[in-house]
Amino acid sequence: MEIKKYYVTQKELGNALKDIVDEYLKDKLIEVELEKIILKIINLNKSTYYSKGKVVEKIKRLLGKRRLMIIERIIVNYKGGEMDGNN
């Protein structure tokens, strides 16, 4: 699985996050690696992932509830949720 640092479109970012979480759900990624990858990607792509401090609707739809919940849990657990769209 190829992981890029920067994603141009919301669709590209959403699909990449979806694939990464799916790898974790298939036990092909351990939780520590998942957290590291997710935090890095979202930190580098904040303006694509967030709009007005909230996750962009297109990305929410691409991820679905379960994957979004996993990603948001990682972000909230990272230093008390300091990685929101307002930072």
PDB file of N, CA and C in Angstrom:
ATOM      1  N   MET A   1       0.844  -1.171   0.000  1.00  0.00           N
ATOM      2  CA  MET A   1       0.000   0.000   0.000  1.00  0.00           C
ATOM      3  C   MET A   1       0.896   1.243   0.000  1.00  0.00           C
ATOM      4  N   GLU A   2       0.658   2.097  -0.976  1.00  0.00           N
ATOM      5  CA  GLU A   2       1.423   3.330  -1.098  1.00  0.00           C
ATOM      6  C   GLU A   2       0.751   4.432  -0.284  1.00  0.00           C
ATOM      7  N   ILE A   3       1.546   5.088   0.545  1.00  0.00           N
ATOM      8  CA  ILE A   3       1.025   6.175   1.365  1.00  0.00           C
ATOM      9  C   ILE A   3       1.764   7.447   0.977  1.00  0.00           C
ATOM     10  N   LYS A   4       1.000   8.430   0.516  1.00  0.00           N
ATOM     11  CA  LYS A   4       1.574   9.710   0.148  1.00  0.00           C
ATOM     12  C   LYS A   4       1.511  10.660   1.333  1.00  0.00           C
ATOM     13  N   LYS A   5       2.317  11.699   1.277  1.00  0.00           N
ATOM     14  CA  LYS A   5       2.281  12.712   2.333  1.00  0.00           C
ATOM     15  C   LYS A   5       1.152  13.703   2.109  1.00  0.00           C
ATOM     16  N   TYR A   6       0.993  14.143   0.870  1.00  0.00           N
ATOM     17  CA  TYR A   6       0.009  15.181   0.562  1.00  0.00           C
ATOM     18  C   TYR A   6      -1.023  14.679  -0.439  1.00  0.00           C
ATOM     19  N   TYR A   7      -2.261  15.064  -0.218  1.00  0.00           N
ATOM     20  CA  TYR A   7      -3.355  14.682  -1.106  1.00  0.00           C
ATOM     21  C   TYR A   7      -4.013  15.956  -1.621  1.00  0.00           C
ATOM     22  N   VAL A   8      -4.238  16.002  -2.921  1.00  0.00           N
ATOM     23  CA  VAL A   8      -4.754  17.201  -3.565  1.00  0.00           C
ATOM     24  C   VAL A   8      -6.258  17.362  -3.351  1.00  0.00           C
ATOM     25  N   THR A   9      -7.002  16.279  -3.493  1.00  0.00           N
ATOM     26  CA  THR A   9      -8.454  16.365  -3.396  1.00  0.00           C
ATOM     27  C   THR A   9      -8.968  15.679  -2.136  1.00  0.00           C
ATOM     28  N   GLN A  10     -10.176  16.054  -1.742  1.00  0.00           N
ATOM     29  CA  GLN A  10     -10.820  15.420  -0.595  1.00  0.00           C
ATOM     30  C   GLN A  10     -11.088  13.948  -0.882  1.00  0.00           C
ATOM     31  N   LYS A  11     -11.450  13.639  -2.105  1.00  0.00           N
ATOM     32  CA  LYS A  11     -11.727  12.259  -2.483  1.00  0.00           C
ATOM     33  C   LYS A  11     -10.470  11.392  -2.358  1.00  0.00           C
ATOM     34  N   GLU A  12      -9.367  11.923  -2.829  1.00  0.00           N
ATOM     35  CA  GLU A  12      -8.096  11.207  -2.752  1.00  0.00           C
ATOM     36  C   GLU A  12      -7.707  10.949  -1.289  1.00  0.00           C
ATOM     37  N   LEU A  13      -7.839  11.975  -0.458  1.00  0.00           N
ATOM     38  CA  LEU A  13      -7.522  11.848   0.964  1.00  0.00           C
ATOM     39  C   LEU A  13      -8.466  10.864   1.643  1.00  0.00           C
ATOM     40  N   GLY A  14      -9.757  10.990   1.377  1.00  0.00           N
ATOM     41  CA  GLY A  14     -10.744  10.091   1.981  1.00  0.00           C
ATOM     42  C   GLY A  14     -10.509   8.641   1.608  1.00  0.00           C
ATOM     43  N   ASN A  15     -10.209   8.385   0.347  1.00  0.00           N
ATOM     44  CA  ASN A  15      -9.944   7.012  -0.090  1.00  0.00           C
ATOM     45  C   ASN A  15      -8.669   6.452   0.531  1.00  0.00           C
ATOM     46  N   ALA A  16      -7.654   7.290   0.675  1.00  0.00           N
ATOM     47  CA  ALA A  16      -6.406   6.844   1.298  1.00  0.00           C
ATOM     48  C   ALA A  16      -6.646   6.483   2.767  1.00  0.00           C
ATOM     49  N   LEU A  17      -7.362   7.339   3.486  1.00  0.00           N
ATOM     50  CA  LEU A  17      -7.667   7.059   4.893  1.00  0.00           C
ATOM     51  C   LEU A  17      -8.517   5.794   5.021  1.00  0.00           C
ATOM     52  N   LYS A  18      -9.465   5.636   4.122  1.00  0.00           N
ATOM     53  CA  LYS A  18     -10.321   4.446   4.117  1.00  0.00           C
ATOM     54  C   LYS A  18      -9.475   3.176   3.942  1.00  0.00           C
ATOM     55  N   ASP A  19      -8.564   3.198   2.985  1.00  0.00           N
ATOM     56  CA  ASP A  19      -7.701   2.037   2.730  1.00  0.00           C
ATOM     57  C   ASP A  19      -6.810   1.721   3.925  1.00  0.00           C
ATOM     58  N   ILE A  20      -6.293   2.760   4.568  1.00  0.00           N
ATOM     59  CA  ILE A  20      -5.412   2.555   5.728  1.00  0.00           C
ATOM     60  C   ILE A  20      -6.186   1.933   6.890  1.00  0.00           C
ATOM     61  N   VAL A  21      -7.363   2.460   7.177  1.00  0.00           N
ATOM     62  CA  VAL A  21      -8.171   1.903   8.269  1.00  0.00           C
ATOM     63  C   VAL A  21      -8.599   0.472   7.931  1.00  0.00           C
ATOM     64  N   ASP A  22      -8.917   0.212   6.678  1.00  0.00           N
ATOM     65  CA  ASP A  22      -9.290  -1.149   6.273  1.00  0.00           C
ATOM     66  C   ASP A  22      -8.139  -2.137   6.494  1.00  0.00           C
ATOM     67  N   GLU A  23      -6.921  -1.698   6.234  1.00  0.00           N
ATOM     68  CA  GLU A  23      -5.755  -2.553   6.489  1.00  0.00           C
ATOM     69  C   GLU A  23      -5.663  -2.886   7.985  1.00  0.00           C
ATOM     70  N   TYR A  24      -5.935  -1.909   8.818  1.00  0.00           N
ATOM     71  CA  TYR A  24      -5.940  -2.129  10.266  1.00  0.00           C
ATOM     72  C   TYR A  24      -7.050  -3.111  10.661  1.00  0.00           C
ATOM     73  N   LEU A  25      -8.229  -2.935  10.093  1.00  0.00           N
ATOM     74  CA  LEU A  25      -9.359  -3.812  10.424  1.00  0.00           C
ATOM     75  C   LEU A  25      -9.130  -5.250   9.960  1.00  0.00           C
ATOM     76  N   LYS A  26      -8.283  -5.423   8.949  1.00  0.00           N
ATOM     77  CA  LYS A  26      -7.924  -6.765   8.462  1.00  0.00           C
ATOM     78  C   LYS A  26      -6.714  -7.327   9.205  1.00  0.00           C
ATOM     79  N   ASP A  27      -6.282  -6.619  10.254  1.00  0.00           N
ATOM     80  CA  ASP A  27      -5.121  -7.008  11.070  1.00  0.00           C
ATOM     81  C   ASP A  27      -3.813  -7.011  10.283  1.00  0.00           C
ATOM     82  N   LYS A  28      -3.719  -6.163   9.275  1.00  0.00           N
ATOM     83  CA  LYS A  28      -2.477  -6.028   8.515  1.00  0.00           C
ATOM     84  C   LYS A  28      -1.640  -4.865   9.021  1.00  0.00           C
ATOM     85  N   LEU A  29      -2.205  -4.073   9.911  1.00  0.00           N
ATOM     86  CA  LEU A  29      -1.512  -2.951  10.553  1.00  0.00           C
ATOM     87  C   LEU A  29      -1.778  -3.029  12.048  1.00  0.00           C
ATOM     88  N   ILE A  30      -0.744  -2.804  12.846  1.00  0.00           N
ATOM     89  CA  ILE A  30      -0.968  -2.759  14.292  1.00  0.00           C
ATOM     90  C   ILE A  30      -1.440  -1.357  14.666  1.00  0.00           C
ATOM     91  N   GLU A  31      -2.053  -1.230  15.815  1.00  0.00           N
ATOM     92  CA  GLU A  31      -2.675   0.034  16.220  1.00  0.00           C
ATOM     93  C   GLU A  31      -1.679   1.184  16.291  1.00  0.00           C
ATOM     94  N   VAL A  32      -0.483   0.914  16.771  1.00  0.00           N
ATOM     95  CA  VAL A  32       0.537   1.964  16.878  1.00  0.00           C
ATOM     96  C   VAL A  32       0.892   2.520  15.500  1.00  0.00           C
ATOM     97  N   GLU A  33       1.039   1.645  14.522  1.00  0.00           N
ATOM     98  CA  GLU A  33       1.338   2.073  13.156  1.00  0.00           C
ATOM     99  C   GLU A  33       0.167   2.850  12.556  1.00  0.00           C
ATOM    100  N   LEU A  34      -1.037   2.370  12.802  1.00  0.00           N
ATOM    101  CA  LEU A  34      -2.234   3.060  12.321  1.00  0.00           C
ATOM    102  C   LEU A  34      -2.253   4.492  12.853  1.00  0.00           C
ATOM    103  N   GLU A  35      -2.054   4.642  14.151  1.00  0.00           N
ATOM    104  CA  GLU A  35      -2.071   5.966  14.773  1.00  0.00           C
ATOM    105  C   GLU A  35      -1.003   6.870  14.171  1.00  0.00           C
ATOM    106  N   LYS A  36       0.175   6.339  14.017  1.00  0.00           N
ATOM    107  CA  LYS A  36       1.291   7.111  13.464  1.00  0.00           C
ATOM    108  C   LYS A  36       0.971   7.602  12.046  1.00  0.00           C
ATOM    109  N   ILE A  37       0.453   6.723  11.214  1.00  0.00           N
ATOM    110  CA  ILE A  37       0.139   7.058   9.821  1.00  0.00           C
ATOM    111  C   ILE A  37      -1.010   8.069   9.750  1.00  0.00           C
ATOM    112  N   ILE A  38      -2.079   7.802  10.489  1.00  0.00           N
ATOM    113  CA  ILE A  38      -3.252   8.684  10.466  1.00  0.00           C
ATOM    114  C   ILE A  38      -2.887  10.092  10.932  1.00  0.00           C
ATOM    115  N   LEU A  39      -2.182  10.184  12.046  1.00  0.00           N
ATOM    116  CA  LEU A  39      -1.815  11.499  12.576  1.00  0.00           C
ATOM    117  C   LEU A  39      -0.921  12.262  11.605  1.00  0.00           C
ATOM    118  N   LYS A  40       0.011  11.569  10.986  1.00  0.00           N
ATOM    119  CA  LYS A  40       0.916  12.214  10.036  1.00  0.00           C
ATOM    120  C   LYS A  40       0.146  12.741   8.824  1.00  0.00           C
ATOM    121  N   ILE A  41      -0.701  11.892   8.252  1.00  0.00           N
ATOM    122  CA  ILE A  41      -1.459  12.285   7.059  1.00  0.00           C
ATOM    123  C   ILE A  41      -2.399  13.451   7.360  1.00  0.00           C
ATOM    124  N   ILE A  42      -3.131  13.369   8.451  1.00  0.00           N
ATOM    125  CA  ILE A  42      -4.086  14.437   8.765  1.00  0.00           C
ATOM    126  C   ILE A  42      -3.362  15.729   9.122  1.00  0.00           C
ATOM    127  N   ASN A  43      -2.275  15.627   9.833  1.00  0.00           N
ATOM    128  CA  ASN A  43      -1.507  16.826  10.169  1.00  0.00           C
ATOM    129  C   ASN A  43      -0.998  17.530   8.909  1.00  0.00           C
ATOM    130  N   LEU A  44      -0.562  16.778   7.910  1.00  0.00           N
ATOM    131  CA  LEU A  44      -0.047  17.350   6.665  1.00  0.00           C
ATOM    132  C   LEU A  44      -1.155  17.810   5.720  1.00  0.00           C
ATOM    133  N   ASN A  45      -2.384  17.354   5.955  1.00  0.00           N
ATOM    134  CA  ASN A  45      -3.501  17.657   5.053  1.00  0.00           C
ATOM    135  C   ASN A  45      -4.689  18.284   5.774  1.00  0.00           C
ATOM    136  N   LYS A  46      -4.408  19.069   6.799  1.00  0.00           N
ATOM    137  CA  LYS A  46      -5.480  19.663   7.616  1.00  0.00           C
ATOM    138  C   LYS A  46      -6.491  20.444   6.779  1.00  0.00           C
ATOM    139  N   SER A  47      -6.002  21.218   5.832  1.00  0.00           N
ATOM    140  CA  SER A  47      -6.913  22.073   5.063  1.00  0.00           C
ATOM    141  C   SER A  47      -7.816  21.265   4.132  1.00  0.00           C
ATOM    142  N   THR A  48      -7.423  20.048   3.819  1.00  0.00           N
ATOM    143  CA  THR A  48      -8.257  19.179   2.986  1.00  0.00           C
ATOM    144  C   THR A  48      -9.207  18.350   3.850  1.00  0.00           C
ATOM    145  N   TYR A  49      -8.768  17.985   5.051  1.00  0.00           N
ATOM    146  CA  TYR A  49      -9.554  17.140   5.950  1.00  0.00           C
ATOM    147  C   TYR A  49     -10.617  17.940   6.713  1.00  0.00           C
ATOM    148  N   TYR A  50     -10.263  19.171   7.088  1.00  0.00           N
ATOM    149  CA  TYR A  50     -11.167  20.001   7.879  1.00  0.00           C
ATOM    150  C   TYR A  50     -11.678  21.207   7.092  1.00  0.00           C
ATOM    151  N   SER A  51     -12.887  21.621   7.420  1.00  0.00           N
ATOM    152  CA  SER A  51     -13.442  22.881   6.940  1.00  0.00           C
ATOM    153  C   SER A  51     -14.208  23.487   8.107  1.00  0.00           C
ATOM    154  N   LYS A  52     -13.840  24.676   8.481  1.00  0.00           N
ATOM    155  CA  LYS A  52     -14.473  25.369   9.617  1.00  0.00           C
ATOM    156  C   LYS A  52     -14.423  24.535  10.892  1.00  0.00           C
ATOM    157  N   GLY A  53     -13.302  23.851  11.099  1.00  0.00           N
ATOM    158  CA  GLY A  53     -13.095  23.079  12.317  1.00  0.00           C
ATOM    159  C   GLY A  53     -13.772  21.723  12.357  1.00  0.00           C
ATOM    160  N   LYS A  54     -14.436  21.332  11.269  1.00  0.00           N
ATOM    161  CA  LYS A  54     -15.125  20.041  11.224  1.00  0.00           C
ATOM    162  C   LYS A  54     -14.632  19.227  10.032  1.00  0.00           C
ATOM    163  N   VAL A  55     -14.778  17.920  10.149  1.00  0.00           N
ATOM    164  CA  VAL A  55     -14.390  17.041   9.052  1.00  0.00           C
ATOM    165  C   VAL A  55     -15.284  17.330   7.843  1.00  0.00           C
ATOM    166  N   VAL A  56     -14.669  17.423   6.688  1.00  0.00           N
ATOM    167  CA  VAL A  56     -15.381  17.713   5.446  1.00  0.00           C
ATOM    168  C   VAL A  56     -16.398  16.606   5.163  1.00  0.00           C
ATOM    169  N   GLU A  57     -17.591  16.989   4.730  1.00  0.00           N
ATOM    170  CA  GLU A  57     -18.682  16.030   4.487  1.00  0.00           C
ATOM    171  C   GLU A  57     -18.300  14.939   3.473  1.00  0.00           C
ATOM    172  N   LYS A  58     -17.600  15.303   2.425  1.00  0.00           N
ATOM    173  CA  LYS A  58     -17.213  14.317   1.411  1.00  0.00           C
ATOM    174  C   LYS A  58     -16.347  13.214   2.026  1.00  0.00           C
ATOM    175  N   ILE A  59     -15.429  13.605   2.899  1.00  0.00           N
ATOM    176  CA  ILE A  59     -14.568  12.624   3.563  1.00  0.00           C
ATOM    177  C   ILE A  59     -15.391  11.773   4.523  1.00  0.00           C
ATOM    178  N   LYS A  60     -16.333  12.393   5.232  1.00  0.00           N
ATOM    179  CA  LYS A  60     -17.208  11.627   6.130  1.00  0.00           C
ATOM    180  C   LYS A  60     -17.960  10.544   5.364  1.00  0.00           C
ATOM    181  N   ARG A  61     -18.503  10.913   4.215  1.00  0.00           N
ATOM    182  CA  ARG A  61     -19.256   9.940   3.410  1.00  0.00           C
ATOM    183  C   ARG A  61     -18.360   8.822   2.894  1.00  0.00           C
ATOM    184  N   LEU A  62     -17.156   9.157   2.474  1.00  0.00           N
ATOM    185  CA  LEU A  62     -16.229   8.143   1.965  1.00  0.00           C
ATOM    186  C   LEU A  62     -15.808   7.163   3.063  1.00  0.00           C
ATOM    187  N   LEU A  63     -15.600   7.672   4.265  1.00  0.00           N
ATOM    188  CA  LEU A  63     -15.127   6.830   5.361  1.00  0.00           C
ATOM    189  C   LEU A  63     -16.226   5.977   5.985  1.00  0.00           C
ATOM    190  N   GLY A  64     -17.392   6.526   6.136  1.00  0.00           N
ATOM    191  CA  GLY A  64     -18.449   5.824   6.858  1.00  0.00           C
ATOM    192  C   GLY A  64     -18.260   5.994   8.356  1.00  0.00           C
ATOM    193  N   LYS A  65     -19.272   5.624   9.103  1.00  0.00           N
ATOM    194  CA  LYS A  65     -19.279   5.867  10.553  1.00  0.00           C
ATOM    195  C   LYS A  65     -18.164   5.141  11.294  1.00  0.00           C
ATOM    196  N   ARG A  66     -17.971   3.861  10.996  1.00  0.00           N
ATOM    197  CA  ARG A  66     -16.999   3.066  11.755  1.00  0.00           C
ATOM    198  C   ARG A  66     -15.577   3.579  11.569  1.00  0.00           C
ATOM    199  N   ARG A  67     -15.190   3.809  10.317  1.00  0.00           N
ATOM    200  CA  ARG A  67     -13.832   4.287  10.047  1.00  0.00           C
ATOM    201  C   ARG A  67     -13.626   5.693  10.612  1.00  0.00           C
ATOM    202  N   LEU A  68     -14.628   6.535  10.456  1.00  0.00           N
ATOM    203  CA  LEU A  68     -14.539   7.894  10.970  1.00  0.00           C
ATOM    204  C   LEU A  68     -14.382   7.881  12.491  1.00  0.00           C
ATOM    205  N   MET A  69     -15.110   7.004  13.153  1.00  0.00           N
ATOM    206  CA  MET A  69     -15.014   6.870  14.601  1.00  0.00           C
ATOM    207  C   MET A  69     -13.596   6.466  15.019  1.00  0.00           C
ATOM    208  N   ILE A  70     -12.992   5.546  14.293  1.00  0.00           N
ATOM    209  CA  ILE A  70     -11.631   5.093  14.587  1.00  0.00           C
ATOM    210  C   ILE A  70     -10.649   6.254  14.432  1.00  0.00           C
ATOM    211  N   ILE A  71     -10.770   6.991  13.327  1.00  0.00           N
ATOM    212  CA  ILE A  71      -9.864   8.110  13.067  1.00  0.00           C
ATOM    213  C   ILE A  71     -10.055   9.213  14.096  1.00  0.00           C
ATOM    214  N   GLU A  72     -11.284   9.561  14.396  1.00  0.00           N
ATOM    215  CA  GLU A  72     -11.542  10.623  15.371  1.00  0.00           C
ATOM    216  C   GLU A  72     -11.053  10.226  16.758  1.00  0.00           C
ATOM    217  N   ARG A  73     -11.171   8.949  17.119  1.00  0.00           N
ATOM    218  CA  ARG A  73     -10.656   8.471  18.408  1.00  0.00           C
ATOM    219  C   ARG A  73      -9.144   8.674  18.479  1.00  0.00           C
ATOM    220  N   ILE A  74      -8.458   8.389  17.387  1.00  0.00           N
ATOM    221  CA  ILE A  74      -7.004   8.569  17.339  1.00  0.00           C
ATOM    222  C   ILE A  74      -6.656  10.045  17.529  1.00  0.00           C
ATOM    223  N   ILE A  75      -7.372  10.916  16.837  1.00  0.00           N
ATOM    224  CA  ILE A  75      -7.091  12.354  16.915  1.00  0.00           C
ATOM    225  C   ILE A  75      -7.360  12.889  18.314  1.00  0.00           C
ATOM    226  N   VAL A  76      -8.483  12.490  18.903  1.00  0.00           N
ATOM    227  CA  VAL A  76      -8.835  12.962  20.248  1.00  0.00           C
ATOM    228  C   VAL A  76      -7.824  12.465  21.280  1.00  0.00           C
ATOM    229  N   ASN A  77      -7.372  11.236  21.141  1.00  0.00           N
ATOM    230  CA  ASN A  77      -6.403  10.688  22.086  1.00  0.00           C
ATOM    231  C   ASN A  77      -5.019  11.307  21.929  1.00  0.00           C
ATOM    232  N   TYR A  78      -4.756  11.893  20.766  1.00  0.00           N
ATOM    233  CA  TYR A  78      -3.467  12.531  20.531  1.00  0.00           C
ATOM    234  C   TYR A  78      -3.447  13.867  21.249  1.00  0.00           C
ATOM    235  N   LYS A  79      -2.774  13.920  22.362  1.00  0.00           N
ATOM    236  CA  LYS A  79      -2.640  15.142  23.151  1.00  0.00           C
ATOM    237  C   LYS A  79      -3.952  15.880  23.371  1.00  0.00           C
ATOM    238  N   GLY A  80      -4.981  15.152  23.697  1.00  0.00           N
ATOM    239  CA  GLY A  80      -6.248  15.774  24.053  1.00  0.00           C
ATOM    240  C   GLY A  80      -6.989  16.408  22.893  1.00  0.00           C
ATOM    241  N   GLY A  81      -6.734  15.961  21.686  1.00  0.00           N
ATOM    242  CA  GLY A  81      -7.478  16.453  20.531  1.00  0.00           C
ATOM    243  C   GLY A  81      -6.991  17.778  19.997  1.00  0.00           C
ATOM    244  N   GLU A  82      -5.709  18.044  20.134  1.00  0.00           N
ATOM    245  CA  GLU A  82      -5.161  19.314  19.676  1.00  0.00           C
ATOM    246  C   GLU A  82      -5.129  19.457  18.173  1.00  0.00           C
ATOM    247  N   MET A  83      -5.360  18.395  17.434  1.00  0.00           N
ATOM    248  CA  MET A  83      -5.269  18.449  15.973  1.00  0.00           C
ATOM    249  C   MET A  83      -6.608  18.725  15.317  1.00  0.00           C
ATOM    250  N   ASP A  84      -7.335  19.709  15.755  1.00  0.00           N
ATOM    251  CA  ASP A  84      -8.575  19.999  15.034  1.00  0.00           C
ATOM    252  C   ASP A  84      -8.292  21.008  13.933  1.00  0.00           C
ATOM    253  N   GLY A  85      -9.261  21.286  13.143  1.00  0.00           N
ATOM    254  CA  GLY A  85      -9.082  22.152  12.000  1.00  0.00           C
ATOM    255  C   GLY A  85      -8.754  23.598  12.347  1.00  0.00           C
ATOM    256  N   ASN A  86      -8.868  23.960  13.595  1.00  0.00           N
ATOM    257  CA  ASN A  86      -8.600  25.345  13.995  1.00  0.00           C
ATOM    258  C   ASN A  86      -7.146  25.577  14.340  1.00  0.00           C
ATOM    259  N   ASN A  87      -6.340  24.532  14.408  1.00  0.00           N
ATOM    260  CA  ASN A  87      -4.917  24.677  14.757  1.00  0.00           C
ATOM    261  C   ASN A  87      -4.046  24.773  13.549  1.00  0.00           C
TER     262      ASN A  87
END
